Structures are given as structure tokens and as C-alpha cells.
Amino acid sequence: MAKTKELSKDVRDKIVDLHKAGMGYNTIAKQLGEKVTTVGAIIRKWKKHKITVNLPWPGDPCKISPRGVAMIAMIMRTVRNQPRTTREDLVNYLKAAGTIVTKKTIGNTLRREGLKSCSARKVPLLKKAHIHARLKFANEHLNDSEDNWVKVLWSDETKMELFGINSTHRIWRRRNAAYDPKNTIPTVKHGGGNIMLWGCFSAKGTGQLHRIKRDDGRAMYRQILGENLLPSVRALKMGRGWVFQHDNDPKHTAKATKEWLKKKHIKVLEWPSQSPDLNPIENLWKDLKVRVAKRQPRNLNDLEKICKEEWDKIPPKMCANLVANYKKRPTSVIANKGFATKY
């Protein structure tokens, strides 16, 4: 039988962090794409020895020349501190240090050390205040029951592009380390050939989808809520005690908006800024964009029409599953120490 590929230390540490956050063996294995037996073995070793690295093996160690060891150490130190370093950069660094190697040798060395070239994930730019707020939210709501999340009406705005794709950057990283802060690219919203949409959903299905045709700021947002929020609540039969979720966009936190919500007796979920990974509607946006792209809209009006048609086709079961599995989101934020996570 072929030898099983060993997990990197980063993955082992991630398993332990998720376990500390209260996640079970099966859930950890499913989230990281590993075997349950592997997850259990790593956690048992950590409980017994308080380490995740391999224990020493008997016998003589592998003999590598001092020059080779120094080269590998230099390469690993460089890509650990600067994951965007290219193979050509490494060739030049080593050449300046008196060692001549090829890009192929660099690539083989990095792969042997458990790294691979990947596209850097794009995530919101997080400052210390954002990280603190995200951890606070995650800890406060970690043990909330599913019944609490069923009462939430989730909302957000998104940009639907008619053409074009976002640029990518290659980085060197270990498996399952895509959302380490060093391996991601912060993004901000920008314009283009697109339309802006506001939408909402609950565990019972999707609510209304509204095209934002002109950005008049805070007054525009209140108009969107007036035309779409309560009708969605009624259509989804939210009942009493429902809670409205929206992010901390200045239009959402404006005094006039807060007063409007208070006047309508709408309870708002306190929300940490820069946290799309905590909002399950992001998964619906992703699904919607895939559906719309398959239909190849011809112009912006066609794009709007197709978006609304496909939004209505999203199955209620998908919405229910996103809400039922919500606990994974605060758990992952805690495990990643407040930084961006996969959603």
C-alpha cells in the first residue's frame, strides 16, 4: 500500500483550533476535507503530548548536505514571509547568495515541503477593530440555537457584472491555508458594466430582489426597505419576533435609517463590519451569479430580468440548509482568530 501523504503542520493546527472551538470530529473532517480517523488521531496526540508535529521516528535521519539544508531553509523562510514571491524571484535571491538553481528545482522543493501555487483569495480588508468585533460577535452567538437564526431576515447588496472577471495573483501556500491573512488579497467595491441589487432571504426562502438604479444615498435605502422589506417578511411568513440583518454600510447606520426602523418596530441584529463570511446570503449571491452567467444576458436590462427570474428559482431547501448550518460560521471565525474565513 502506498504511503499516505502527511498533513502539514498548518492543517494539524487548524484541526486542533476547530476542536477547541467546540467542533466535532465529523464536522472538522468535512470542513477540511480530511478523514475522520485522521482528525481523531491528531486531536488525541494533541491531548496527550500537547503537540501536533510528528513524534521522532527511530533510525538515522535523512542525510542532506549543509548547503542543501541552508537553501531549503532560505526558500521556506522567504515564501513564509512573502507568499507572493515567484520562482524567478527565488532563483535571483539564491543566485545573489552564490547558489545557481533552476525554477523547476525551486518548484520541486516547494512541493516537497507541502506548498503549491494557488490563486490568492480576495477578502475584505480587516483592521484590528474589525477582527475584535468579529470575534466578539462569534463568541456571543456561538451557542445560539437554530431557532434563533430561523427568525432572521438576512439582507445585502451585490454587484452583478455583465462582462469581465477579476484578476488573480499566484501565491505559495499549504493545503487548507487559503484564508490565512498572508494568502488573501483585500478588495474594495468598484464600478464597471454592472447593476447593483438589494435582496433578502430567510430559512423559508428568498424574499424580494430590487435593482438599485441610482444611488441617492440614505433616502434611497429607506425607500428600498419601504418597498421590499415588509412585503418580503409577509411573503415569507416570518411571524412575530423576527430580526432584520444588514451590514454597517453608512446608509444602513444613518440616524434617519435607524429612526425609520425604530418607527416600524423592526429589531436589528447587531453586526460586525467587514464580515461577508458571517452572512449566508453571500452563498446565494454566488449561486445566483453562476445561474445568471449560464444564461448569458445581452445587456443590463436583460441582466436585471434574468437575475430576478433566477433569484425566484433558488430552492427554499438551500436557504433552510444555510440557516441550519449557521453555527459553522462563528466557529470558523473563532478558529481563524477573527480573520476572514471560507463561506
Foldseek 3Di string as FASTA:
>chain_A
DDDDDDADQVLLLLLLLLVVLPDDLVVSCVVQVHDSVVSVVQNVCCVVPVGRDDDDDDDDDDDDDPVVVVLLVVLVVVCVVQQLDALVNSQVVVVVVPDHDDSVVSQVSLVVNQKDKDWAAEAADDDPQLLVVLLVVLVVCLPPALVQQQLEKFKEKDKAALDDDDDTGIGIDHRPCRQQVSRHHYDDDDDDQIWMKMWIAGLQATFAIDTDPDPPAQVSVLVCCVVTVVNRCVVSVSDPPHAYEDAVDVSCPPPVNVVSCVVVVHHYDDYRHRCPLLGLVVVVVVVLNVQLVVVNQDHHVSSVVSSRVVRRVPDSNVNNVCSNPSSVRSSSCSSSSRGDDDD
